[in-house]
Structure formats: structure tokens, C-alpha cells
């Protein structure tokens, strides 16, 4: 009888741990998306600043006073690999436990209430 209760308690705890991990992973994913959006905005702002400086530094006339076509600015792409490494270092990947299935107990039909689990 205690074996059945222990097994049910273990299953309830494993289910709770999985739910917690899924919730933490969802929060981490949302945090990553927000951080990536912020990083992209910073990158775009820096690129606009660099582009403006690039064009301002070019002469619009040659030595004889003839107009000169300015060179095009090549924008740099954001380094997502570096972003991922930095983000994963600060926010480790959440290990999500596998799906937990209920044990089928045909031995006992005991009244059962799950254990209280600290949600600290």
C-alpha cells in the first residue's frame, strides 16, 4: 500500500518538475526574443551611425572640383552566433524532463491526494 502511494507521489513530483521546466523554458524563450529584438535595434542604430559617418567622410568632389559618386556603404549583419553564445552563458538552457505517464494500479483503489510541493 505504501508502495502505491510512493509511486503516485513520485509521479506527481515528476509532473510538477516538468511543468516548472516548461514554464521556465517559455520565460527564457520570451526573454531571448526580447533581448534579440533589443540587440537588433542597437545594431541597426550603430549601422545607421556608421553609414552616416562613412558618407560624411567621403569627398563629394575630386581635386578638380568635379562631382564624385560616393561609394556605397555595406551594412554588416548582426552576429547571431555571438548573441546566442552570450545569451546562453547568461541564461543556461533549461533541461526539460520527459513526459510523465500515470502508472496504472489495478491492485488498490486507494483514496489519494498529491503531496504538497514547495513552489519556491
PDB file of N, CA and C in Angstrom:
ATOM      1  N   UNK A   1       0.821  -1.183   0.000  1.00  0.00           N
ATOM      2  CA  UNK A   1       0.000   0.000   0.000  1.00  0.00           C
ATOM      3  C   UNK A   1       0.875   1.261   0.000  1.00  0.00           C
ATOM      4  N   UNK A   2       1.905   1.271   0.827  1.00  0.00           N
ATOM      5  CA  UNK A   2       2.810   2.416   0.833  1.00  0.00           C
ATOM      6  C   UNK A   2       3.528   2.538  -0.494  1.00  0.00           C
ATOM      7  N   UNK A   3       3.803   1.400  -1.113  1.00  0.00           N
ATOM      8  CA  UNK A   3       4.476   1.403  -2.415  1.00  0.00           C
ATOM      9  C   UNK A   3       3.627   2.146  -3.457  1.00  0.00           C
ATOM     10  N   UNK A   4       2.333   1.915  -3.424  1.00  0.00           N
ATOM     11  CA  UNK A   4       1.424   2.576  -4.369  1.00  0.00           C
ATOM     12  C   UNK A   4       1.419   4.080  -4.118  1.00  0.00           C
ATOM     13  N   UNK A   5       1.333   4.474  -2.850  1.00  0.00           N
ATOM     14  CA  UNK A   5       1.345   5.903  -2.519  1.00  0.00           C
ATOM     15  C   UNK A   5       2.675   6.546  -2.917  1.00  0.00           C
ATOM     16  N   UNK A   6       3.780   5.871  -2.642  1.00  0.00           N
ATOM     17  CA  UNK A   6       5.095   6.409  -3.012  1.00  0.00           C
ATOM     18  C   UNK A   6       5.211   6.586  -4.531  1.00  0.00           C
ATOM     19  N   UNK A   7       4.724   5.610  -5.256  1.00  0.00           N
ATOM     20  CA  UNK A   7       4.765   5.693  -6.724  1.00  0.00           C
ATOM     21  C   UNK A   7       3.905   6.860  -7.213  1.00  0.00           C
ATOM     22  N   UNK A   8       2.743   7.029  -6.641  1.00  0.00           N
ATOM     23  CA  UNK A   8       1.870   8.152  -7.030  1.00  0.00           C
ATOM     24  C   UNK A   8       2.513   9.488  -6.661  1.00  0.00           C
ATOM     25  N   UNK A   9       3.134   9.562  -5.479  1.00  0.00           N
ATOM     26  CA  UNK A   9       3.824  10.791  -5.070  1.00  0.00           C
ATOM     27  C   UNK A   9       4.961  11.111  -6.032  1.00  0.00           C
ATOM     28  N   UNK A  10       5.731  10.105  -6.388  1.00  0.00           N
ATOM     29  CA  UNK A  10       6.853  10.299  -7.309  1.00  0.00           C
ATOM     30  C   UNK A  10       6.361  10.814  -8.651  1.00  0.00           C
ATOM     31  N   UNK A  11       5.286  10.245  -9.140  1.00  0.00           N
ATOM     32  CA  UNK A  11       4.726  10.685 -10.423  1.00  0.00           C
ATOM     33  C   UNK A  11       4.241  12.133 -10.324  1.00  0.00           C
ATOM     34  N   UNK A  12       3.580  12.479  -9.211  1.00  0.00           N
ATOM     35  CA  UNK A  12       3.100  13.853  -9.033  1.00  0.00           C
ATOM     36  C   UNK A  12       4.272  14.830  -8.992  1.00  0.00           C
ATOM     37  N   UNK A  13       5.344  14.462  -8.321  1.00  0.00           N
ATOM     38  CA  UNK A  13       6.521  15.330  -8.230  1.00  0.00           C
ATOM     39  C   UNK A  13       7.170  15.480  -9.606  1.00  0.00           C
ATOM     40  N   UNK A  14       7.301  14.380 -10.338  1.00  0.00           N
ATOM     41  CA  UNK A  14       7.900  14.438 -11.681  1.00  0.00           C
ATOM     42  C   UNK A  14       7.064  15.307 -12.623  1.00  0.00           C
ATOM     43  N   UNK A  15       5.753  15.200 -12.520  1.00  0.00           N
ATOM     44  CA  UNK A  15       4.881  16.041 -13.348  1.00  0.00           C
ATOM     45  C   UNK A  15       5.066  17.513 -13.000  1.00  0.00           C
ATOM     46  N   UNK A  16       5.153  17.797 -11.713  1.00  0.00           N
ATOM     47  CA  UNK A  16       5.355  19.182 -11.269  1.00  0.00           C
ATOM     48  C   UNK A  16       6.689  19.716 -11.783  1.00  0.00           C
ATOM     49  N   UNK A  17       7.744  18.923 -11.679  1.00  0.00           N
ATOM     50  CA  UNK A  17       9.062  19.348 -12.158  1.00  0.00           C
ATOM     51  C   UNK A  17       9.031  19.622 -13.658  1.00  0.00           C
ATOM     52  N   UNK A  18       8.321  18.798 -14.412  1.00  0.00           N
ATOM     53  CA  UNK A  18       8.217  19.003 -15.866  1.00  0.00           C
ATOM     54  C   UNK A  18       7.458  20.295 -16.164  1.00  0.00           C
ATOM     55  N   UNK A  19       6.357  20.530 -15.460  1.00  0.00           N
ATOM     56  CA  UNK A  19       5.586  21.759 -15.666  1.00  0.00           C
ATOM     57  C   UNK A  19       6.426  22.990 -15.347  1.00  0.00           C
ATOM     58  N   UNK A  20       7.208  22.916 -14.262  1.00  0.00           N
ATOM     59  CA  UNK A  20       8.079  24.022 -13.887  1.00  0.00           C
ATOM     60  C   UNK A  20       9.126  24.279 -14.970  1.00  0.00           C
ATOM     61  N   UNK A  21       9.727  23.195 -15.479  1.00  0.00           N
ATOM     62  CA  UNK A  21      10.754  23.333 -16.516  1.00  0.00           C
ATOM     63  C   UNK A  21      10.163  23.923 -17.792  1.00  0.00           C
ATOM     64  N   UNK A  22       8.962  23.500 -18.156  1.00  0.00           N
ATOM     65  CA  UNK A  22       8.308  24.047 -19.349  1.00  0.00           C
ATOM     66  C   UNK A  22       8.015  25.536 -19.176  1.00  0.00           C
ATOM     67  N   UNK A  23       7.561  25.922 -17.988  1.00  0.00           N
ATOM     68  CA  UNK A  23       7.271  27.330 -17.719  1.00  0.00           C
ATOM     69  C   UNK A  23       8.566  28.154 -17.752  1.00  0.00           C
ATOM     70  N   UNK A  24       9.634  27.627 -17.164  1.00  0.00           N
ATOM     71  CA  UNK A  24      10.915  28.330 -17.174  1.00  0.00           C
ATOM     72  C   UNK A  24      11.457  28.458 -18.598  1.00  0.00           C
ATOM     73  N   UNK A  25      11.292  27.394 -19.394  1.00  0.00           N
ATOM     74  CA  UNK A  25      11.763  27.432 -20.782  1.00  0.00           C
ATOM     75  C   UNK A  25      10.975  28.462 -21.591  1.00  0.00           C
ATOM     76  N   UNK A  26       9.680  28.548 -21.347  1.00  0.00           N
ATOM     77  CA  UNK A  26       8.855  29.536 -22.041  1.00  0.00           C
ATOM     78  C   UNK A  26       9.303  30.952 -21.670  1.00  0.00           C
ATOM     79  N   UNK A  27       9.552  31.184 -20.382  1.00  0.00           N
ATOM     80  CA  UNK A  27      10.011  32.502 -19.922  1.00  0.00           C
ATOM     81  C   UNK A  27      11.378  32.819 -20.523  1.00  0.00           C
ATOM     82  N   UNK A  28      12.262  31.817 -20.605  1.00  0.00           N
ATOM     83  CA  UNK A  28      13.589  32.022 -21.192  1.00  0.00           C
ATOM     84  C   UNK A  28      13.471  32.366 -22.677  1.00  0.00           C
ATOM     85  N   UNK A  29      12.585  31.689 -23.381  1.00  0.00           N
ATOM     86  CA  UNK A  29      12.381  31.956 -24.809  1.00  0.00           C
ATOM     87  C   UNK A  29      11.872  33.378 -25.017  1.00  0.00           C
ATOM     88  N   UNK A  30      10.920  33.810 -24.194  1.00  0.00           N
ATOM     89  CA  UNK A  30      10.404  35.179 -24.290  1.00  0.00           C
ATOM     90  C   UNK A  30      11.506  36.196 -23.986  1.00  0.00           C
ATOM     91  N   UNK A  31      12.329  35.895 -22.990  1.00  0.00           N
ATOM     92  CA  UNK A  31      13.431  36.776 -22.634  1.00  0.00           C
ATOM     93  C   UNK A  31      14.442  36.861 -23.783  1.00  0.00           C
ATOM     94  N   UNK A  32      14.705  35.720 -24.435  1.00  0.00           N
ATOM     95  CA  UNK A  32      15.634  35.693 -25.562  1.00  0.00           C
ATOM     96  C   UNK A  32      15.109  36.535 -26.721  1.00  0.00           C
ATOM     97  N   UNK A  33      13.827  36.399 -27.025  1.00  0.00           N
ATOM     98  CA  UNK A  33      13.239  37.176 -28.116  1.00  0.00           C
ATOM     99  C   UNK A  33      13.323  38.676 -27.827  1.00  0.00           C
ATOM    100  N   UNK A  34      13.050  39.060 -26.595  1.00  0.00           N
ATOM    101  CA  UNK A  34      13.135  40.481 -26.221  1.00  0.00           C
ATOM    102  C   UNK A  34      14.578  40.977 -26.307  1.00  0.00           C
ATOM    103  N   UNK A  35      15.519  40.168 -25.828  1.00  0.00           N
ATOM    104  CA  UNK A  35      16.930  40.557 -25.870  1.00  0.00           C
ATOM    105  C   UNK A  35      17.423  40.640 -27.313  1.00  0.00           C
ATOM    106  N   UNK A  36      16.972  39.714 -28.161  1.00  0.00           N
ATOM    107  CA  UNK A  36      17.372  39.734 -29.569  1.00  0.00           C
ATOM    108  C   UNK A  36      16.817  40.959 -30.276  1.00  0.00           C
ATOM    109  N   UNK A  37      15.573  41.290 -29.988  1.00  0.00           N
ATOM    110  CA  UNK A  37      14.970  42.483 -30.585  1.00  0.00           C
ATOM    111  C   UNK A  37      15.739  43.740 -30.168  1.00  0.00           C
ATOM    112  N   UNK A  38      16.099  43.814 -28.899  1.00  0.00           N
ATOM    113  CA  UNK A  38      16.862  44.957 -28.396  1.00  0.00           C
ATOM    114  C   UNK A  38      18.245  45.016 -29.063  1.00  0.00           C
ATOM    115  N   UNK A  39      18.900  43.856 -29.173  1.00  0.00           N
ATOM    116  CA  UNK A  39      20.229  43.787 -29.785  1.00  0.00           C
ATOM    117  C   UNK A  39      20.158  44.191 -31.262  1.00  0.00           C
ATOM    118  N   UNK A  40      19.106  43.755 -31.966  1.00  0.00           N
ATOM    119  CA  UNK A  40      18.945  44.125 -33.371  1.00  0.00           C
ATOM    120  C   UNK A  40      18.741  45.624 -33.520  1.00  0.00           C
ATOM    121  N   UNK A  41      17.969  46.213 -32.627  1.00  0.00           N
ATOM    122  CA  UNK A  41      17.740  47.657 -32.686  1.00  0.00           C
ATOM    123  C   UNK A  41      19.043  48.410 -32.439  1.00  0.00           C
ATOM    124  N   UNK A  42      19.812  47.969 -31.450  1.00  0.00           N
ATOM    125  CA  UNK A  42      21.116  48.588 -31.185  1.00  0.00           C
ATOM    126  C   UNK A  42      22.022  48.465 -32.408  1.00  0.00           C
ATOM    127  N   UNK A  43      22.022  47.287 -33.022  1.00  0.00           N
ATOM    128  CA  UNK A  43      22.860  47.047 -34.198  1.00  0.00           C
ATOM    129  C   UNK A  43      22.447  47.962 -35.354  1.00  0.00           C
ATOM    130  N   UNK A  44      21.143  48.075 -35.585  1.00  0.00           N
ATOM    131  CA  UNK A  44      20.655  48.944 -36.661  1.00  0.00           C
ATOM    132  C   UNK A  44      21.031  50.401 -36.392  1.00  0.00           C
ATOM    133  N   UNK A  45      20.900  50.843 -35.151  1.00  0.00           N
ATOM    134  CA  UNK A  45      21.270  52.224 -34.801  1.00  0.00           C
ATOM    135  C   UNK A  45      22.753  52.472 -35.054  1.00  0.00           C
ATOM    136  N   UNK A  46      23.599  51.515 -34.648  1.00  0.00           N
ATOM    137  CA  UNK A  46      25.041  51.650 -34.876  1.00  0.00           C
ATOM    138  C   UNK A  46      25.357  51.659 -36.372  1.00  0.00           C
ATOM    139  N   UNK A  47      24.680  50.806 -37.128  1.00  0.00           N
ATOM    140  CA  UNK A  47      24.927  50.738 -38.567  1.00  0.00           C
ATOM    141  C   UNK A  47      24.513  52.043 -39.257  1.00  0.00           C
ATOM    142  N   UNK A  48      23.403  52.635 -38.839  1.00  0.00           N
ATOM    143  CA  UNK A  48      22.989  53.929 -39.403  1.00  0.00           C
ATOM    144  C   UNK A  48      24.013  55.009 -39.078  1.00  0.00           C
ATOM    145  N   UNK A  49      24.520  54.961 -37.857  1.00  0.00           N
ATOM    146  CA  UNK A  49      25.543  55.924 -37.449  1.00  0.00           C
ATOM    147  C   UNK A  49      26.826  55.727 -38.273  1.00  0.00           C
ATOM    148  N   UNK A  50      27.240  54.487 -38.450  1.00  0.00           N
ATOM    149  CA  UNK A  50      28.438  54.196 -39.251  1.00  0.00           C
ATOM    150  C   UNK A  50      28.234  54.588 -40.716  1.00  0.00           C
ATOM    151  N   UNK A  51      27.031  54.341 -41.228  1.00  0.00           N
ATOM    152  CA  UNK A  51      26.742  54.699 -42.618  1.00  0.00           C
ATOM    153  C   UNK A  51      26.830  56.214 -42.802  1.00  0.00           C
ATOM    154  N   UNK A  52      26.242  56.959 -41.884  1.00  0.00           N
ATOM    155  CA  UNK A  52      26.291  58.421 -41.968  1.00  0.00           C
ATOM    156  C   UNK A  52      27.735  58.913 -41.908  1.00  0.00           C
ATOM    157  N   UNK A  53      28.503  58.374 -40.987  1.00  0.00           N
ATOM    158  CA  UNK A  53      29.913  58.768 -40.861  1.00  0.00           C
ATOM    159  C   UNK A  53      30.675  58.390 -42.134  1.00  0.00           C
ATOM    160  N   UNK A  54      30.397  57.232 -42.700  1.00  0.00           N
ATOM    161  CA  UNK A  54      31.056  56.768 -43.919  1.00  0.00           C
ATOM    162  C   UNK A  54      30.814  57.756 -45.062  1.00  0.00           C
ATOM    163  N   UNK A  55      29.553  58.180 -45.218  1.00  0.00           N
ATOM    164  CA  UNK A  55      29.226  59.126 -46.297  1.00  0.00           C
ATOM    165  C   UNK A  55      29.792  60.520 -46.012  1.00  0.00           C
ATOM    166  N   UNK A  56      29.765  60.927 -44.756  1.00  0.00           N
ATOM    167  CA  UNK A  56      30.306  62.251 -44.401  1.00  0.00           C
ATOM    168  C   UNK A  56      31.818  62.316 -44.621  1.00  0.00           C
ATOM    169  N   UNK A  57      32.488  61.196 -44.429  1.00  0.00           N
ATOM    170  CA  UNK A  57      33.946  61.174 -44.587  1.00  0.00           C
ATOM    171  C   UNK A  57      34.389  61.160 -46.054  1.00  0.00           C
ATOM    172  N   UNK A  58      33.473  60.860 -46.958  1.00  0.00           N
ATOM    173  CA  UNK A  58      33.829  60.822 -48.379  1.00  0.00           C
ATOM    174  C   UNK A  58      33.739  62.224 -48.979  1.00  0.00           C
ATOM    175  N   UNK A  59      34.655  62.497 -49.870  1.00  0.00           N
ATOM    176  CA  UNK A  59      34.618  63.777 -50.579  1.00  0.00           C
ATOM    177  C   UNK A  59      33.535  63.722 -51.649  1.00  0.00           C
ATOM    178  N   UNK A  60      32.844  64.854 -51.835  1.00  0.00           N
ATOM    179  CA  UNK A  60      31.812  64.912 -52.867  1.00  0.00           C
ATOM    180  C   UNK A  60      32.377  65.446 -54.181  1.00  0.00           C
ATOM    181  N   UNK A  61      33.623  65.938 -54.128  1.00  0.00           N
ATOM    182  CA  UNK A  61      34.269  66.460 -55.335  1.00  0.00           C
ATOM    183  C   UNK A  61      35.702  65.948 -55.402  1.00  0.00           C
ATOM    184  N   UNK A  62      36.179  65.796 -56.645  1.00  0.00           N
ATOM    185  CA  UNK A  62      37.581  65.410 -56.787  1.00  0.00           C
ATOM    186  C   UNK A  62      38.460  66.649 -56.732  1.00  0.00           C
ATOM    187  N   UNK A  63      39.749  66.489 -56.986  1.00  0.00           N
ATOM    188  CA  UNK A  63      40.696  67.599 -56.879  1.00  0.00           C
ATOM    189  C   UNK A  63      40.392  68.732 -57.851  1.00  0.00           C
ATOM    190  N   UNK A  64      39.738  68.403 -58.987  1.00  0.00           N
ATOM    191  CA  UNK A  64      39.418  69.409 -59.994  1.00  0.00           C
ATOM    192  C   UNK A  64      38.051  70.047 -59.748  1.00  0.00           C
ATOM    193  N   UNK A  65      37.316  69.628 -58.719  1.00  0.00           N
ATOM    194  CA  UNK A  65      36.014  70.202 -58.427  1.00  0.00           C
ATOM    195  C   UNK A  65      34.869  69.466 -59.097  1.00  0.00           C
ATOM    196  N   UNK A  66      35.160  68.362 -59.765  1.00  0.00           N
ATOM    197  CA  UNK A  66      34.109  67.568 -60.406  1.00  0.00           C
ATOM    198  C   UNK A  66      33.403  66.704 -59.364  1.00  0.00           C
ATOM    199  N   UNK A  67      32.069  66.563 -59.515  1.00  0.00           N
ATOM    200  CA  UNK A  67      31.338  65.725 -58.553  1.00  0.00           C
ATOM    201  C   UNK A  67      31.809  64.271 -58.644  1.00  0.00           C
ATOM    202  N   UNK A  68      31.865  63.628 -57.503  1.00  0.00           N
ATOM    203  CA  UNK A  68      32.298  62.237 -57.414  1.00  0.00           C
ATOM    204  C   UNK A  68      31.168  61.429 -56.781  1.00  0.00           C
ATOM    205  N   UNK A  69      30.905  60.282 -57.408  1.00  0.00           N
ATOM    206  CA  UNK A  69      29.891  59.396 -56.831  1.00  0.00           C
ATOM    207  C   UNK A  69      30.457  58.775 -55.556  1.00  0.00           C
ATOM    208  N   UNK A  70      29.661  58.809 -54.518  1.00  0.00           N
ATOM    209  CA  UNK A  70      30.118  58.253 -53.244  1.00  0.00           C
ATOM    210  C   UNK A  70      30.014  56.729 -53.288  1.00  0.00           C
ATOM    211  N   UNK A  71      30.933  56.086 -52.611  1.00  0.00           N
ATOM    212  CA  UNK A  71      30.923  54.628 -52.531  1.00  0.00           C
ATOM    213  C   UNK A  71      29.746  54.177 -51.683  1.00  0.00           C
ATOM    214  N   UNK A  72      29.130  53.067 -52.051  1.00  0.00           N
ATOM    215  CA  UNK A  72      28.014  52.570 -51.233  1.00  0.00           C
ATOM    216  C   UNK A  72      28.525  51.977 -49.913  1.00  0.00           C
ATOM    217  N   UNK A  73      27.717  52.101 -48.908  1.00  0.00           N
ATOM    218  CA  UNK A  73      28.065  51.549 -47.597  1.00  0.00           C
ATOM    219  C   UNK A  73      27.556  50.122 -47.521  1.00  0.00           C
ATOM    220  N   UNK A  74      28.392  49.214 -47.079  1.00  0.00           N
ATOM    221  CA  UNK A  74      27.987  47.815 -46.920  1.00  0.00           C
ATOM    222  C   UNK A  74      27.651  47.568 -45.453  1.00  0.00           C
ATOM    223  N   UNK A  75      26.379  47.364 -45.211  1.00  0.00           N
ATOM    224  CA  UNK A  75      25.942  47.110 -43.831  1.00  0.00           C
ATOM    225  C   UNK A  75      26.370  45.717 -43.393  1.00  0.00           C
ATOM    226  N   UNK A  76      26.763  45.641 -42.137  1.00  0.00           N
ATOM    227  CA  UNK A  76      27.152  44.360 -41.557  1.00  0.00           C
ATOM    228  C   UNK A  76      25.933  43.727 -40.908  1.00  0.00           C
ATOM    229  N   UNK A  77      25.851  42.414 -41.043  1.00  0.00           N
ATOM    230  CA  UNK A  77      24.751  41.682 -40.413  1.00  0.00           C
ATOM    231  C   UNK A  77      25.086  41.472 -38.936  1.00  0.00           C
ATOM    232  N   UNK A  78      24.037  41.352 -38.138  1.00  0.00           N
ATOM    233  CA  UNK A  78      24.233  41.080 -36.717  1.00  0.00           C
ATOM    234  C   UNK A  78      24.779  39.663 -36.569  1.00  0.00           C
ATOM    235  N   UNK A  79      25.694  39.472 -35.647  1.00  0.00           N
ATOM    236  CA  UNK A  79      26.309  38.167 -35.412  1.00  0.00           C
ATOM    237  C   UNK A  79      25.424  37.379 -34.441  1.00  0.00           C
ATOM    238  N   UNK A  80      24.527  36.567 -34.997  1.00  0.00           N
ATOM    239  CA  UNK A  80      23.591  35.811 -34.163  1.00  0.00           C
ATOM    240  C   UNK A  80      24.291  34.733 -33.350  1.00  0.00           C
ATOM    241  N   UNK A  81      25.353  34.176 -33.906  1.00  0.00           N
ATOM    242  CA  UNK A  81      26.088  33.137 -33.179  1.00  0.00           C
ATOM    243  C   UNK A  81      26.684  33.712 -31.895  1.00  0.00           C
ATOM    244  N   UNK A  82      27.266  34.884 -31.994  1.00  0.00           N
ATOM    245  CA  UNK A  82      27.835  35.546 -30.817  1.00  0.00           C
ATOM    246  C   UNK A  82      26.726  35.888 -29.817  1.00  0.00           C
ATOM    247  N   UNK A  83      25.585  36.365 -30.335  1.00  0.00           N
ATOM    248  CA  UNK A  83      24.451  36.685 -29.456  1.00  0.00           C
ATOM    249  C   UNK A  83      23.993  35.436 -28.710  1.00  0.00           C
ATOM    250  N   UNK A  84      23.855  34.313 -29.446  1.00  0.00           N
ATOM    251  CA  UNK A  84      23.403  33.069 -28.818  1.00  0.00           C
ATOM    252  C   UNK A  84      24.368  32.597 -27.740  1.00  0.00           C
ATOM    253  N   UNK A  85      25.662  32.674 -28.016  1.00  0.00           N
ATOM    254  CA  UNK A  85      26.659  32.251 -27.026  1.00  0.00           C
ATOM    255  C   UNK A  85      26.556  33.117 -25.774  1.00  0.00           C
ATOM    256  N   UNK A  86      26.467  34.420 -25.970  1.00  0.00           N
ATOM    257  CA  UNK A  86      26.372  35.340 -24.837  1.00  0.00           C
ATOM    258  C   UNK A  86      25.085  35.106 -24.051  1.00  0.00           C
ATOM    259  N   UNK A  87      23.969  34.949 -24.770  1.00  0.00           N
ATOM    260  CA  UNK A  87      22.686  34.744 -24.093  1.00  0.00           C
ATOM    261  C   UNK A  87      22.675  33.415 -23.336  1.00  0.00           C
ATOM    262  N   UNK A  88      23.174  32.349 -23.983  1.00  0.00           N
ATOM    263  CA  UNK A  88      23.179  31.036 -23.338  1.00  0.00           C
ATOM    264  C   UNK A  88      24.101  31.009 -22.120  1.00  0.00           C
ATOM    265  N   UNK A  89      25.165  31.811 -22.145  1.00  0.00           N
ATOM    266  CA  UNK A  89      26.060  31.887 -20.998  1.00  0.00           C
ATOM    267  C   UNK A  89      25.352  32.532 -19.814  1.00  0.00           C
ATOM    268  N   UNK A  90      24.610  33.596 -20.090  1.00  0.00           N
ATOM    269  CA  UNK A  90      23.909  34.307 -19.021  1.00  0.00           C
ATOM    270  C   UNK A  90      22.599  33.621 -18.616  1.00  0.00           C
ATOM    271  N   UNK A  91      22.006  32.866 -19.542  1.00  0.00           N
ATOM    272  CA  UNK A  91      20.717  32.205 -19.310  1.00  0.00           C
ATOM    273  C   UNK A  91      20.823  30.758 -19.802  1.00  0.00           C
ATOM    274  N   UNK A  92      21.309  29.862 -18.954  1.00  0.00           N
ATOM    275  CA  UNK A  92      21.526  28.476 -19.395  1.00  0.00           C
ATOM    276  C   UNK A  92      20.244  27.829 -19.931  1.00  0.00           C
ATOM    277  N   UNK A  93      20.437  26.909 -20.852  1.00  0.00           N
ATOM    278  CA  UNK A  93      19.321  26.180 -21.440  1.00  0.00           C
ATOM    279  C   UNK A  93      18.638  25.362 -20.346  1.00  0.00           C
ATOM    280  N   UNK A  94      17.319  25.343 -20.371  1.00  0.00           N
ATOM    281  CA  UNK A  94      16.537  24.606 -19.378  1.00  0.00           C
ATOM    282  C   UNK A  94      16.412  23.157 -19.827  1.00  0.00           C
ATOM    283  N   UNK A  95      16.765  22.238 -18.935  1.00  0.00           N
ATOM    284  CA  UNK A  95      16.627  20.813 -19.228  1.00  0.00           C
ATOM    285  C   UNK A  95      15.191  20.403 -18.895  1.00  0.00           C
ATOM    286  N   UNK A  96      14.449  20.010 -19.928  1.00  0.00           N
ATOM    287  CA  UNK A  96      13.046  19.643 -19.726  1.00  0.00           C
ATOM    288  C   UNK A  96      12.952  18.126 -19.604  1.00  0.00           C
ATOM    289  N   UNK A  97      12.475  17.648 -18.455  1.00  0.00           N
ATOM    290  CA  UNK A  97      12.321  16.198 -18.286  1.00  0.00           C
ATOM    291  C   UNK A  97      11.292  15.643 -19.269  1.00  0.00           C
ATOM    292  N   UNK A  98      11.395  14.358 -19.536  1.00  0.00           N
ATOM    293  CA  UNK A  98      10.472  13.704 -20.459  1.00  0.00           C
ATOM    294  C   UNK A  98       9.051  13.664 -19.931  1.00  0.00           C
ATOM    295  N   UNK A  99       8.149  13.319 -20.822  1.00  0.00           N
ATOM    296  CA  UNK A  99       6.735  13.200 -20.477  1.00  0.00           C
ATOM    297  C   UNK A  99       6.563  12.149 -19.390  1.00  0.00           C
ATOM    298  N   UNK A 100       5.702  12.442 -18.420  1.00  0.00           N
ATOM    299  CA  UNK A 100       5.451  11.519 -17.315  1.00  0.00           C
ATOM    300  C   UNK A 100       4.068  10.902 -17.511  1.00  0.00           C
ATOM    301  N   UNK A 101       4.023   9.600 -17.445  1.00  0.00           N
ATOM    302  CA  UNK A 101       2.734   8.915 -17.600  1.00  0.00           C
ATOM    303  C   UNK A 101       2.315   8.338 -16.255  1.00  0.00           C
ATOM    304  N   UNK A 102       1.029   8.303 -16.043  1.00  0.00           N
ATOM    305  CA  UNK A 102       0.496   7.747 -14.805  1.00  0.00           C
ATOM    306  C   UNK A 102       0.643   6.234 -14.813  1.00  0.00           C
ATOM    307  N   UNK A 103       0.982   5.708 -13.657  1.00  0.00           N
ATOM    308  CA  UNK A 103       1.052   4.258 -13.514  1.00  0.00           C
ATOM    309  C   UNK A 103      -0.368   3.733 -13.352  1.00  0.00           C
ATOM    310  N   UNK A 104      -0.616   2.608 -13.928  1.00  0.00           N
ATOM    311  CA  UNK A 104      -1.941   2.008 -13.804  1.00  0.00           C
ATOM    312  C   UNK A 104      -1.889   1.019 -12.641  1.00  0.00           C
ATOM    313  N   UNK A 105      -2.645   1.335 -11.611  1.00  0.00           N
ATOM    314  CA  UNK A 105      -2.685   0.484 -10.420  1.00  0.00           C
ATOM    315  C   UNK A 105      -4.003  -0.266 -10.387  1.00  0.00           C
ATOM    316  N   UNK A 106      -3.929  -1.527 -10.716  1.00  0.00           N
ATOM    317  CA  UNK A 106      -5.127  -2.352 -10.635  1.00  0.00           C
ATOM    318  C   UNK A 106      -5.186  -3.086  -9.300  1.00  0.00           C
ATOM    319  N   UNK A 107      -4.130  -2.899  -8.489  1.00  0.00           N
ATOM    320  CA  UNK A 107      -4.059  -3.605  -7.218  1.00  0.00           C
ATOM    321  C   UNK A 107      -4.952  -2.967  -6.157  1.00  0.00           C
ATOM    322  N   UNK A 108      -4.868  -1.652  -6.048  1.00  0.00           N
ATOM    323  CA  UNK A 108      -5.556  -0.953  -4.976  1.00  0.00           C
ATOM    324  C   UNK A 108      -6.363   0.203  -5.532  1.00  0.00           C
ATOM    325  N   UNK A 109      -7.490   0.437  -4.918  1.00  0.00           N
ATOM    326  CA  UNK A 109      -8.272   1.617  -5.244  1.00  0.00           C
ATOM    327  C   UNK A 109      -8.270   2.478  -3.981  1.00  0.00           C
ATOM    328  N   UNK A 110      -7.120   3.099  -3.744  1.00  0.00           N
ATOM    329  CA  UNK A 110      -6.935   3.881  -2.529  1.00  0.00           C
ATOM    330  C   UNK A 110      -7.291   5.334  -2.775  1.00  0.00           C
ATOM    331  N   UNK A 111      -7.881   5.985  -1.782  1.00  0.00           N
ATOM    332  CA  UNK A 111      -8.058   7.430  -1.923  1.00  0.00           C
ATOM    333  C   UNK A 111      -6.665   8.074  -1.936  1.00  0.00           C
ATOM    334  N   UNK A 112      -6.505   9.085  -2.766  1.00  0.00           N
ATOM    335  CA  UNK A 112      -5.175   9.675  -2.922  1.00  0.00           C
ATOM    336  C   UNK A 112      -5.269  11.173  -3.079  1.00  0.00           C
ATOM    337  N   UNK A 113      -4.366  11.858  -2.403  1.00  0.00           N
ATOM    338  CA  UNK A 113      -4.216  13.289  -2.633  1.00  0.00           C
ATOM    339  C   UNK A 113      -2.717  13.523  -2.831  1.00  0.00           C
ATOM    340  N   UNK A 114      -2.344  14.296  -3.863  1.00  0.00           N
ATOM    341  CA  UNK A 114      -0.924  14.503  -4.151  1.00  0.00           C
ATOM    342  C   UNK A 114      -0.213  15.236  -3.028  1.00  0.00           C
ATOM    343  N   UNK A 115       1.108  15.046  -2.926  1.00  0.00           N
ATOM    344  CA  UNK A 115       1.855  15.711  -1.869  1.00  0.00           C
ATOM    345  C   UNK A 115       1.930  17.214  -2.119  1.00  0.00           C
ATOM    346  N   UNK A 116       2.120  17.966  -1.029  1.00  0.00           N
ATOM    347  CA  UNK A 116       2.311  19.400  -1.188  1.00  0.00           C
ATOM    348  C   UNK A 116       3.725  19.639  -1.684  1.00  0.00           C
ATOM    349  N   UNK A 117       3.831  20.442  -2.722  1.00  0.00           N
ATOM    350  CA  UNK A 117       5.128  20.693  -3.334  1.00  0.00           C
ATOM    351  C   UNK A 117       5.468  22.158  -3.143  1.00  0.00           C
ATOM    352  N   UNK A 118       6.666  22.423  -2.614  1.00  0.00           N
ATOM    353  CA  UNK A 118       7.128  23.809  -2.461  1.00  0.00           C
ATOM    354  C   UNK A 118       7.343  24.423  -3.822  1.00  0.00           C
ATOM    355  N   UNK A 119       6.812  25.613  -4.018  1.00  0.00           N
ATOM    356  CA  UNK A 119       6.980  26.313  -5.305  1.00  0.00           C
ATOM    357  C   UNK A 119       7.886  27.519  -5.132  1.00  0.00           C
ATOM    358  N   UNK A 120       8.988  27.316  -4.482  1.00  0.00           N
ATOM    359  CA  UNK A 120       9.935  28.414  -4.244  1.00  0.00           C
ATOM    360  C   UNK A 120      10.682  28.737  -5.486  1.00  0.00           C
TER     361      UNK A 120
END
